[in-house]
Amino acid sequence: MFGKRFRVTTISRDLNYLFKKTMAESWFFKLTKGDVDAGFIPFGQNFLNLLWICLLYKFGRVYMDIDVMFLKSFLKLKNSIGAQTLDLSSKILSRLNNAVMVFDKMQPLVYKFIEEFTLIFNGNKWGHNGRYLVSRLVSRLEGRLGYNFMILPPSTFYPVNWNRVRNLFHGAKNERDAKW
């Protein structure tokens, strides 16, 4: 693995450093005092969303969920996020996903992700503080000055649609499956 020149870094968890000078700092303080309702969605899931956002903001580079397999280099990608779904009739990218994101250090859009998380955190709605947060915010900021980023088509990061992955293991049952 090291002969392939992968650069992986491990770091000690220092939440104070990670959240410093962001809105996550005051949100985390309120959380530790019991002033934030964690909701009924497992808190670890929501808290990890904040951690990856802050890590991406402070250090930049690539964030990938652990269940993502990469087949091509990310070296040419810059400030990119992938669309998960595309409306075939309108050709409009209808939902983004936060499973794979590539951003520069201190990228303004990623800072806005932190702000959005802390301002409208809701621990009772699945996805509200993760994938739906990304979609909400990008739809508001797309095309505005200072937020240079690219939305890549679903085929970039999701060549196999999540609801059709089963077909890979069962084989084609009809012509439609075979074309897919």
N, C-alpha and C. Protein backbone atom coordinates (compact mmCIF):
# COMPACT_ATOMS: atom_id res chain seq x y z
N MET A 1 0.83 -1.19 0.00
CA MET A 1 0.00 0.00 0.00
C MET A 1 0.87 1.25 0.00
N PHE A 2 1.93 1.26 0.78
CA PHE A 2 2.75 2.46 0.86
C PHE A 2 3.53 2.69 -0.43
N GLY A 3 3.82 1.63 -1.18
CA GLY A 3 4.48 1.77 -2.47
C GLY A 3 3.63 2.53 -3.47
N LYS A 4 2.32 2.58 -3.25
CA LYS A 4 1.40 3.29 -4.14
C LYS A 4 1.34 4.78 -3.80
N ARG A 5 2.05 5.18 -2.76
CA ARG A 5 2.15 6.58 -2.35
C ARG A 5 0.85 7.16 -1.81
N PHE A 6 0.08 6.36 -1.08
CA PHE A 6 -1.08 6.90 -0.39
C PHE A 6 -0.57 7.68 0.81
N ARG A 7 -1.16 8.81 1.05
CA ARG A 7 -0.76 9.58 2.21
C ARG A 7 -1.92 9.61 3.19
N VAL A 8 -1.78 8.88 4.27
CA VAL A 8 -2.80 8.79 5.29
C VAL A 8 -2.19 9.28 6.59
N THR A 9 -2.92 10.12 7.29
CA THR A 9 -2.43 10.67 8.54
C THR A 9 -3.39 10.34 9.66
N THR A 10 -2.85 9.99 10.80
CA THR A 10 -3.68 9.82 11.98
C THR A 10 -3.42 11.02 12.89
N ILE A 11 -4.45 11.44 13.56
CA ILE A 11 -4.31 12.57 14.48
C ILE A 11 -5.02 12.24 15.78
N SER A 12 -4.56 12.84 16.86
CA SER A 12 -5.24 12.69 18.14
C SER A 12 -6.45 13.61 18.14
N ARG A 13 -7.48 13.17 18.79
CA ARG A 13 -8.70 13.98 18.84
C ARG A 13 -8.50 15.13 19.83
N ASP A 14 -8.60 16.33 19.34
CA ASP A 14 -8.54 17.53 20.16
C ASP A 14 -9.68 18.42 19.69
N LEU A 15 -10.85 18.22 20.30
CA LEU A 15 -12.05 18.92 19.85
C LEU A 15 -11.93 20.42 20.03
N ASN A 16 -11.27 20.86 21.09
CA ASN A 16 -11.11 22.30 21.29
C ASN A 16 -10.35 22.92 20.13
N TYR A 17 -9.26 22.27 19.70
CA TYR A 17 -8.49 22.77 18.56
C TYR A 17 -9.32 22.71 17.29
N LEU A 18 -9.99 21.60 17.09
CA LEU A 18 -10.75 21.39 15.86
C LEU A 18 -11.87 22.42 15.70
N PHE A 19 -12.56 22.73 16.79
CA PHE A 19 -13.70 23.63 16.73
C PHE A 19 -13.32 25.11 16.89
N LYS A 20 -12.09 25.38 17.31
CA LYS A 20 -11.65 26.75 17.61
C LYS A 20 -11.87 27.70 16.42
N LYS A 21 -12.39 28.89 16.75
CA LYS A 21 -12.66 29.96 15.78
C LYS A 21 -13.68 29.57 14.72
N THR A 22 -14.58 28.68 15.08
CA THR A 22 -15.73 28.36 14.23
C THR A 22 -16.97 28.39 15.11
N MET A 23 -18.13 28.38 14.50
CA MET A 23 -19.36 28.35 15.29
C MET A 23 -19.53 27.02 16.01
N ALA A 24 -18.78 26.02 15.63
CA ALA A 24 -18.83 24.73 16.32
C ALA A 24 -18.32 24.86 17.75
N GLU A 25 -17.43 25.82 17.98
CA GLU A 25 -16.85 26.02 19.31
C GLU A 25 -17.94 26.36 20.33
N SER A 26 -18.78 27.34 20.03
CA SER A 26 -19.84 27.73 20.98
C SER A 26 -20.94 26.67 21.03
N TRP A 27 -21.24 26.04 19.89
CA TRP A 27 -22.26 24.99 19.85
C TRP A 27 -21.83 23.83 20.74
N PHE A 28 -20.56 23.43 20.67
CA PHE A 28 -20.06 22.32 21.47
C PHE A 28 -20.09 22.67 22.96
N PHE A 29 -19.77 23.93 23.29
CA PHE A 29 -19.83 24.37 24.68
C PHE A 29 -21.26 24.25 25.21
N LYS A 30 -22.24 24.70 24.41
CA LYS A 30 -23.65 24.58 24.81
C LYS A 30 -24.04 23.12 24.96
N LEU A 31 -23.55 22.29 24.07
CA LEU A 31 -23.85 20.85 24.13
C LEU A 31 -23.35 20.26 25.44
N THR A 32 -22.12 20.58 25.83
CA THR A 32 -21.54 20.01 27.05
C THR A 32 -22.26 20.52 28.30
N LYS A 33 -22.90 21.68 28.21
CA LYS A 33 -23.67 22.21 29.34
C LYS A 33 -25.10 21.66 29.36
N GLY A 34 -25.47 20.91 28.33
CA GLY A 34 -26.83 20.37 28.26
C GLY A 34 -27.82 21.31 27.62
N ASP A 35 -27.35 22.35 26.96
CA ASP A 35 -28.23 23.34 26.34
C ASP A 35 -28.59 23.03 24.89
N VAL A 36 -28.15 21.89 24.37
CA VAL A 36 -28.49 21.46 23.01
C VAL A 36 -29.24 20.15 23.12
N ASP A 37 -30.42 20.08 22.51
CA ASP A 37 -31.20 18.84 22.49
C ASP A 37 -30.58 17.90 21.46
N ALA A 38 -30.01 16.80 21.92
CA ALA A 38 -29.34 15.86 21.02
C ALA A 38 -30.32 15.08 20.16
N GLY A 39 -31.60 15.03 20.54
CA GLY A 39 -32.60 14.33 19.74
C GLY A 39 -32.53 12.82 19.92
N PHE A 40 -33.33 12.10 19.12
CA PHE A 40 -33.37 10.64 19.28
C PHE A 40 -32.58 9.87 18.22
N ILE A 41 -32.13 10.56 17.17
CA ILE A 41 -31.21 9.92 16.21
C ILE A 41 -29.91 9.69 16.98
N PRO A 42 -29.26 8.53 16.82
CA PRO A 42 -28.01 8.31 17.57
C PRO A 42 -27.07 9.51 17.44
N PHE A 43 -26.72 10.07 18.60
CA PHE A 43 -25.95 11.31 18.60
C PHE A 43 -24.61 11.16 17.89
N GLY A 44 -23.99 10.01 18.02
CA GLY A 44 -22.70 9.80 17.36
C GLY A 44 -22.77 10.05 15.87
N GLN A 45 -23.88 9.67 15.26
CA GLN A 45 -24.04 9.88 13.82
C GLN A 45 -24.03 11.37 13.49
N ASN A 46 -24.78 12.15 14.26
CA ASN A 46 -24.83 13.59 14.02
C ASN A 46 -23.51 14.27 14.37
N PHE A 47 -22.91 13.85 15.48
CA PHE A 47 -21.66 14.46 15.91
C PHE A 47 -20.54 14.19 14.90
N LEU A 48 -20.53 13.01 14.33
CA LEU A 48 -19.53 12.69 13.30
C LEU A 48 -19.67 13.60 12.09
N ASN A 49 -20.90 13.99 11.77
CA ASN A 49 -21.09 14.95 10.67
C ASN A 49 -20.35 16.25 10.96
N LEU A 50 -20.48 16.74 12.19
CA LEU A 50 -19.77 17.96 12.56
C LEU A 50 -18.26 17.75 12.53
N LEU A 51 -17.80 16.61 12.99
CA LEU A 51 -16.36 16.34 12.99
C LEU A 51 -15.78 16.35 11.58
N TRP A 52 -16.42 15.65 10.64
CA TRP A 52 -15.84 15.62 9.29
C TRP A 52 -15.90 16.99 8.63
N ILE A 53 -16.96 17.76 8.92
CA ILE A 53 -17.04 19.11 8.35
C ILE A 53 -15.87 19.95 8.87
N CYS A 54 -15.64 19.90 10.18
CA CYS A 54 -14.56 20.70 10.77
C CYS A 54 -13.19 20.21 10.31
N LEU A 55 -13.01 18.91 10.21
CA LEU A 55 -11.73 18.38 9.70
C LEU A 55 -11.48 18.84 8.27
N LEU A 56 -12.50 18.79 7.46
CA LEU A 56 -12.36 19.21 6.07
C LEU A 56 -12.07 20.71 5.99
N TYR A 57 -12.69 21.49 6.87
CA TYR A 57 -12.45 22.93 6.88
C TYR A 57 -11.01 23.24 7.33
N LYS A 58 -10.58 22.65 8.42
CA LYS A 58 -9.26 22.95 8.98
C LYS A 58 -8.11 22.43 8.12
N PHE A 59 -8.28 21.25 7.53
CA PHE A 59 -7.16 20.61 6.85
C PHE A 59 -7.33 20.48 5.34
N GLY A 60 -8.55 20.57 4.86
CA GLY A 60 -8.78 20.39 3.44
C GLY A 60 -8.54 18.96 3.00
N ARG A 61 -8.54 18.73 1.73
CA ARG A 61 -8.28 17.45 1.07
C ARG A 61 -9.59 16.72 0.76
N VAL A 62 -9.60 15.40 1.04
CA VAL A 62 -10.72 14.55 0.64
C VAL A 62 -11.40 13.97 1.87
N TYR A 63 -12.73 14.02 1.88
CA TYR A 63 -13.51 13.28 2.87
C TYR A 63 -14.26 12.18 2.12
N MET A 64 -14.18 10.95 2.63
CA MET A 64 -14.94 9.83 2.06
C MET A 64 -15.52 9.01 3.19
N ASP A 65 -16.79 8.63 3.05
CA ASP A 65 -17.36 7.66 3.98
C ASP A 65 -16.56 6.37 3.89
N ILE A 66 -16.60 5.60 4.94
CA ILE A 66 -15.80 4.38 4.98
C ILE A 66 -16.30 3.30 4.02
N ASP A 67 -17.54 3.40 3.57
CA ASP A 67 -18.08 2.38 2.66
C ASP A 67 -17.91 2.76 1.18
N VAL A 68 -17.07 3.73 0.90
CA VAL A 68 -16.82 4.17 -0.48
C VAL A 68 -15.55 3.51 -1.00
N MET A 69 -15.64 2.99 -2.20
CA MET A 69 -14.46 2.45 -2.88
C MET A 69 -14.05 3.45 -3.96
N PHE A 70 -12.80 3.83 -4.00
CA PHE A 70 -12.39 4.73 -5.06
C PHE A 70 -11.63 3.95 -6.12
N LEU A 71 -11.95 4.25 -7.36
CA LEU A 71 -11.38 3.53 -8.50
C LEU A 71 -10.44 4.41 -9.32
N LYS A 72 -10.53 5.71 -9.14
CA LYS A 72 -9.70 6.65 -9.89
C LYS A 72 -9.09 7.66 -8.92
N SER A 73 -8.06 8.33 -9.38
CA SER A 73 -7.39 9.34 -8.58
C SER A 73 -8.30 10.55 -8.36
N PHE A 74 -8.16 11.17 -7.21
CA PHE A 74 -8.89 12.39 -6.90
C PHE A 74 -8.00 13.62 -7.12
N LEU A 75 -6.79 13.44 -7.58
CA LEU A 75 -5.83 14.53 -7.68
C LEU A 75 -6.32 15.71 -8.51
N LYS A 76 -7.10 15.47 -9.53
CA LYS A 76 -7.56 16.56 -10.40
C LYS A 76 -8.81 17.25 -9.86
N LEU A 77 -9.40 16.69 -8.82
CA LEU A 77 -10.61 17.29 -8.27
C LEU A 77 -10.26 18.41 -7.30
N LYS A 78 -11.04 19.47 -7.36
CA LYS A 78 -10.83 20.61 -6.48
C LYS A 78 -12.19 21.19 -6.12
N ASN A 79 -12.42 21.37 -4.84
CA ASN A 79 -13.67 21.96 -4.36
C ASN A 79 -14.87 21.33 -5.06
N SER A 80 -15.02 20.04 -4.85
CA SER A 80 -16.03 19.27 -5.56
C SER A 80 -16.90 18.47 -4.61
N ILE A 81 -18.15 18.35 -5.00
CA ILE A 81 -19.11 17.54 -4.27
C ILE A 81 -19.94 16.80 -5.31
N GLY A 82 -20.35 15.61 -4.97
CA GLY A 82 -21.07 14.80 -5.94
C GLY A 82 -22.58 14.85 -5.77
N ALA A 83 -23.26 14.88 -6.89
CA ALA A 83 -24.72 14.74 -6.87
C ALA A 83 -25.03 13.26 -6.78
N GLN A 84 -26.01 12.93 -5.96
CA GLN A 84 -26.40 11.53 -5.81
C GLN A 84 -27.47 11.15 -6.81
N THR A 85 -28.38 12.07 -7.08
CA THR A 85 -29.47 11.77 -8.01
C THR A 85 -29.62 12.87 -9.04
N LEU A 86 -30.10 12.46 -10.19
CA LEU A 86 -30.33 13.36 -11.31
C LEU A 86 -31.73 13.11 -11.81
N ASP A 87 -32.52 14.17 -11.93
CA ASP A 87 -33.86 14.05 -12.51
C ASP A 87 -33.68 13.87 -14.01
N LEU A 88 -34.02 12.70 -14.51
CA LEU A 88 -33.74 12.38 -15.91
C LEU A 88 -34.51 13.26 -16.89
N SER A 89 -35.71 13.69 -16.53
CA SER A 89 -36.50 14.50 -17.46
C SER A 89 -35.98 15.94 -17.55
N SER A 90 -35.63 16.53 -16.42
CA SER A 90 -35.18 17.93 -16.42
C SER A 90 -33.66 18.07 -16.47
N LYS A 91 -32.95 16.98 -16.21
CA LYS A 91 -31.48 16.98 -16.14
C LYS A 91 -30.96 17.84 -14.98
N ILE A 92 -31.82 18.03 -13.98
CA ILE A 92 -31.43 18.82 -12.81
C ILE A 92 -30.91 17.86 -11.73
N LEU A 93 -29.77 18.23 -11.14
CA LEU A 93 -29.22 17.44 -10.05
C LEU A 93 -30.10 17.68 -8.83
N SER A 94 -30.77 16.63 -8.38
CA SER A 94 -31.80 16.83 -7.37
C SER A 94 -31.36 16.57 -5.94
N ARG A 95 -30.30 15.82 -5.72
CA ARG A 95 -29.84 15.61 -4.35
C ARG A 95 -28.34 15.42 -4.35
N LEU A 96 -27.68 16.10 -3.44
CA LEU A 96 -26.25 15.93 -3.26
C LEU A 96 -26.03 14.90 -2.16
N ASN A 97 -24.79 14.47 -2.02
CA ASN A 97 -24.47 13.53 -0.97
C ASN A 97 -23.13 13.94 -0.37
N ASN A 98 -23.01 13.74 0.91
CA ASN A 98 -21.78 14.11 1.59
C ASN A 98 -20.84 12.93 1.78
N ALA A 99 -21.04 11.84 1.05
CA ALA A 99 -20.19 10.66 1.21
C ALA A 99 -18.80 10.86 0.63
N VAL A 100 -18.67 11.72 -0.37
CA VAL A 100 -17.37 12.03 -0.98
C VAL A 100 -17.33 13.53 -1.26
N MET A 101 -16.34 14.19 -0.69
CA MET A 101 -16.18 15.62 -0.94
C MET A 101 -14.70 15.96 -0.98
N VAL A 102 -14.34 16.86 -1.86
CA VAL A 102 -12.95 17.29 -2.02
C VAL A 102 -12.95 18.81 -1.91
N PHE A 103 -12.27 19.34 -0.88
CA PHE A 103 -12.26 20.79 -0.69
C PHE A 103 -10.90 21.26 -0.21
N ASP A 104 -10.57 22.49 -0.59
CA ASP A 104 -9.36 23.13 -0.09
C ASP A 104 -9.53 23.46 1.38
N LYS A 105 -8.41 23.65 2.04
CA LYS A 105 -8.38 24.10 3.43
C LYS A 105 -9.06 25.46 3.52
N MET A 106 -9.87 25.66 4.55
CA MET A 106 -10.56 26.92 4.84
C MET A 106 -11.50 27.36 3.71
N GLN A 107 -12.06 26.43 2.99
CA GLN A 107 -12.97 26.75 1.88
C GLN A 107 -14.25 27.37 2.45
N PRO A 108 -14.69 28.52 1.95
CA PRO A 108 -15.86 29.21 2.50
C PRO A 108 -17.14 28.36 2.52
N LEU A 109 -17.36 27.53 1.53
CA LEU A 109 -18.55 26.68 1.54
C LEU A 109 -18.53 25.72 2.72
N VAL A 110 -17.38 25.16 3.02
CA VAL A 110 -17.28 24.22 4.13
C VAL A 110 -17.52 24.95 5.45
N TYR A 111 -17.06 26.21 5.55
CA TYR A 111 -17.36 26.99 6.75
C TYR A 111 -18.87 27.19 6.89
N LYS A 112 -19.53 27.42 5.77
CA LYS A 112 -20.99 27.56 5.80
C LYS A 112 -21.66 26.26 6.25
N PHE A 113 -21.07 25.11 5.91
CA PHE A 113 -21.61 23.84 6.41
C PHE A 113 -21.58 23.83 7.94
N ILE A 114 -20.48 24.32 8.52
CA ILE A 114 -20.36 24.38 9.99
C ILE A 114 -21.43 25.30 10.55
N GLU A 115 -21.57 26.48 9.97
CA GLU A 115 -22.59 27.43 10.44
C GLU A 115 -23.98 26.82 10.38
N GLU A 116 -24.30 26.22 9.25
CA GLU A 116 -25.63 25.62 9.07
C GLU A 116 -25.88 24.54 10.11
N PHE A 117 -24.89 23.70 10.34
CA PHE A 117 -25.01 22.63 11.33
C PHE A 117 -25.35 23.21 12.69
N THR A 118 -24.59 24.22 13.12
CA THR A 118 -24.75 24.75 14.47
C THR A 118 -26.02 25.59 14.62
N LEU A 119 -26.44 26.26 13.57
CA LEU A 119 -27.62 27.13 13.66
C LEU A 119 -28.93 26.36 13.63
N ILE A 120 -29.00 25.29 12.84
CA ILE A 120 -30.28 24.60 12.72
C ILE A 120 -30.15 23.10 13.00
N PHE A 121 -29.27 22.75 13.93
CA PHE A 121 -29.10 21.35 14.31
C PHE A 121 -30.44 20.76 14.73
N ASN A 122 -30.73 19.57 14.24
CA ASN A 122 -31.94 18.85 14.64
C ASN A 122 -31.58 17.38 14.76
N GLY A 123 -31.53 16.90 15.98
CA GLY A 123 -31.18 15.51 16.24
C GLY A 123 -32.34 14.55 16.10
N ASN A 124 -33.48 15.04 15.64
CA ASN A 124 -34.66 14.18 15.48
C ASN A 124 -34.97 13.83 14.03
N LYS A 125 -34.22 14.38 13.09
CA LYS A 125 -34.46 14.10 11.67
C LYS A 125 -33.23 13.45 11.07
N TRP A 126 -33.39 12.23 10.57
CA TRP A 126 -32.26 11.54 9.95
C TRP A 126 -31.81 12.31 8.72
N GLY A 127 -30.51 12.52 8.59
CA GLY A 127 -29.94 13.18 7.42
C GLY A 127 -29.95 14.70 7.48
N HIS A 128 -30.69 15.27 8.41
CA HIS A 128 -30.84 16.73 8.49
C HIS A 128 -29.49 17.43 8.67
N ASN A 129 -28.61 16.81 9.46
CA ASN A 129 -27.32 17.43 9.79
C ASN A 129 -26.17 16.91 8.93
N GLY A 130 -26.49 16.17 7.90
CA GLY A 130 -25.48 15.59 7.02
C GLY A 130 -25.81 15.84 5.56
N ARG A 131 -26.29 14.78 4.89
CA ARG A 131 -26.53 14.88 3.45
C ARG A 131 -27.57 15.95 3.10
N TYR A 132 -28.63 16.08 3.88
CA TYR A 132 -29.64 17.09 3.55
C TYR A 132 -29.12 18.50 3.85
N LEU A 133 -28.26 18.64 4.84
CA LEU A 133 -27.63 19.93 5.13
C LEU A 133 -26.84 20.39 3.91
N VAL A 134 -26.06 19.49 3.34
CA VAL A 134 -25.24 19.82 2.17
C VAL A 134 -26.13 20.25 1.00
N SER A 135 -27.19 19.49 0.74
CA SER A 135 -28.10 19.83 -0.37
C SER A 135 -28.77 21.18 -0.15
N ARG A 136 -29.26 21.42 1.08
CA ARG A 136 -29.93 22.69 1.39
C ARG A 136 -29.01 23.88 1.14
N LEU A 137 -27.83 23.78 1.70
CA LEU A 137 -26.91 24.91 1.64
C LEU A 137 -26.40 25.17 0.23
N VAL A 138 -26.03 24.12 -0.47
CA VAL A 138 -25.52 24.30 -1.83
C VAL A 138 -26.59 24.89 -2.74
N SER A 139 -27.84 24.49 -2.56
CA SER A 139 -28.90 25.05 -3.41
C SER A 139 -29.06 26.55 -3.17
N ARG A 140 -28.77 27.02 -1.95
CA ARG A 140 -28.86 28.45 -1.66
C ARG A 140 -27.64 29.22 -2.16
N LEU A 141 -26.47 28.60 -2.16
CA LEU A 141 -25.23 29.32 -2.45
C LEU A 141 -24.68 29.11 -3.85
N GLU A 142 -25.21 28.16 -4.58
CA GLU A 142 -24.68 27.85 -5.91
C GLU A 142 -24.71 29.10 -6.80
N GLY A 143 -23.57 29.41 -7.40
CA GLY A 143 -23.48 30.55 -8.31
C GLY A 143 -23.14 31.86 -7.63
N ARG A 144 -23.14 31.91 -6.30
CA ARG A 144 -22.79 33.15 -5.60
C ARG A 144 -21.28 33.32 -5.54
N LEU A 145 -20.83 34.55 -5.61
CA LEU A 145 -19.40 34.85 -5.56
C LEU A 145 -18.79 34.39 -4.24
N GLY A 146 -17.56 33.90 -4.32
CA GLY A 146 -16.83 33.50 -3.12
C GLY A 146 -17.00 32.05 -2.74
N TYR A 147 -17.92 31.37 -3.39
CA TYR A 147 -18.16 29.96 -3.07
C TYR A 147 -17.85 29.11 -4.30
N ASN A 148 -16.60 29.08 -4.68
CA ASN A 148 -16.22 28.35 -5.89
C ASN A 148 -16.19 26.85 -5.62
N PHE A 149 -17.12 26.15 -6.23
CA PHE A 149 -17.16 24.70 -6.09
C PHE A 149 -17.85 24.11 -7.31
N MET A 150 -17.63 22.82 -7.50
CA MET A 150 -18.24 22.11 -8.62
C MET A 150 -19.16 21.02 -8.08
N ILE A 151 -20.30 20.87 -8.73
CA ILE A 151 -21.18 19.75 -8.45
C ILE A 151 -20.98 18.75 -9.58
N LEU A 152 -20.51 17.58 -9.22
CA LEU A 152 -20.21 16.57 -10.22
C LEU A 152 -21.40 15.63 -10.40
N PRO A 153 -21.60 15.11 -11.60
CA PRO A 153 -22.75 14.24 -11.85
C PRO A 153 -22.67 12.93 -11.05
N PRO A 154 -23.81 12.28 -10.85
CA PRO A 154 -23.83 11.05 -10.05
C PRO A 154 -22.83 9.99 -10.49
N SER A 155 -22.57 9.89 -11.77
CA SER A 155 -21.66 8.85 -12.26
C SER A 155 -20.22 9.04 -11.75
N THR A 156 -19.87 10.23 -11.29
CA THR A 156 -18.51 10.48 -10.80
C THR A 156 -18.22 9.68 -9.54
N PHE A 157 -19.11 9.75 -8.56
CA PHE A 157 -18.88 9.07 -7.29
C PHE A 157 -19.82 7.89 -7.07
N TYR A 158 -20.89 7.83 -7.83
CA TYR A 158 -21.90 6.79 -7.61
C TYR A 158 -22.22 6.08 -8.92
N PRO A 159 -21.25 5.35 -9.49
CA PRO A 159 -21.53 4.68 -10.76
C PRO A 159 -22.59 3.60 -10.63
N VAL A 160 -22.76 3.09 -9.42
CA VAL A 160 -23.81 2.11 -9.15
C VAL A 160 -24.79 2.77 -8.19
N ASN A 161 -26.01 3.00 -8.65
CA ASN A 161 -27.03 3.63 -7.82
C ASN A 161 -27.32 2.74 -6.62
N TRP A 162 -27.45 3.33 -5.45
CA TRP A 162 -27.64 2.56 -4.22
C TRP A 162 -28.83 1.62 -4.29
N ASN A 163 -29.89 2.01 -4.99
CA ASN A 163 -31.08 1.15 -5.02
C ASN A 163 -31.03 0.11 -6.13
N ARG A 164 -29.92 0.05 -6.87
CA ARG A 164 -29.77 -0.96 -7.92
C ARG A 164 -28.55 -1.85 -7.70
N VAL A 165 -27.84 -1.63 -6.62
CA VAL A 165 -26.63 -2.40 -6.37
C VAL A 165 -26.91 -3.90 -6.26
N ARG A 166 -28.10 -4.25 -5.84
CA ARG A 166 -28.48 -5.67 -5.72
C ARG A 166 -28.33 -6.39 -7.06
N ASN A 167 -28.59 -5.69 -8.16
CA ASN A 167 -28.48 -6.29 -9.50
C ASN A 167 -27.06 -6.80 -9.79
N LEU A 168 -26.06 -6.18 -9.20
CA LEU A 168 -24.69 -6.62 -9.43
C LEU A 168 -24.47 -8.04 -8.92
N PHE A 169 -25.21 -8.42 -7.91
CA PHE A 169 -25.00 -9.72 -7.28
C PHE A 169 -25.96 -10.79 -7.79
N HIS A 170 -27.03 -10.39 -8.46
CA HIS A 170 -28.02 -11.35 -8.95
C HIS A 170 -28.00 -11.51 -10.46
N GLY A 171 -27.33 -10.66 -11.16
CA GLY A 171 -27.31 -10.73 -12.62
C GLY A 171 -28.56 -10.12 -13.22
N ALA A 172 -28.49 -9.88 -14.51
CA ALA A 172 -29.61 -9.26 -15.23
C ALA A 172 -30.75 -10.25 -15.40
N LYS A 173 -31.96 -9.79 -15.08
CA LYS A 173 -33.15 -10.63 -15.22
C LYS A 173 -33.96 -10.26 -16.45
N ASN A 174 -33.68 -9.10 -17.01
CA ASN A 174 -34.41 -8.66 -18.20
C ASN A 174 -33.52 -7.70 -18.99
N GLU A 175 -34.04 -7.22 -20.11
CA GLU A 175 -33.25 -6.35 -20.99
C GLU A 175 -32.87 -5.03 -20.30
N ARG A 176 -33.79 -4.50 -19.51
CA ARG A 176 -33.53 -3.24 -18.80
C ARG A 176 -32.35 -3.40 -17.84
N ASP A 177 -32.34 -4.50 -17.08
CA ASP A 177 -31.23 -4.75 -16.17
C ASP A 177 -29.92 -4.91 -16.93
N ALA A 178 -29.98 -5.58 -18.08
CA ALA A 178 -28.77 -5.82 -18.86
C ALA A 178 -28.17 -4.52 -19.38
N LYS A 179 -29.02 -3.57 -19.77
CA LYS A 179 -28.52 -2.27 -20.26
C LYS A 179 -27.90 -1.47 -19.14
N TRP A 180 -28.46 -1.61 -17.96
CA TRP A 180 -27.94 -0.87 -16.83
C TRP A 180 -26.56 -1.37 -16.51
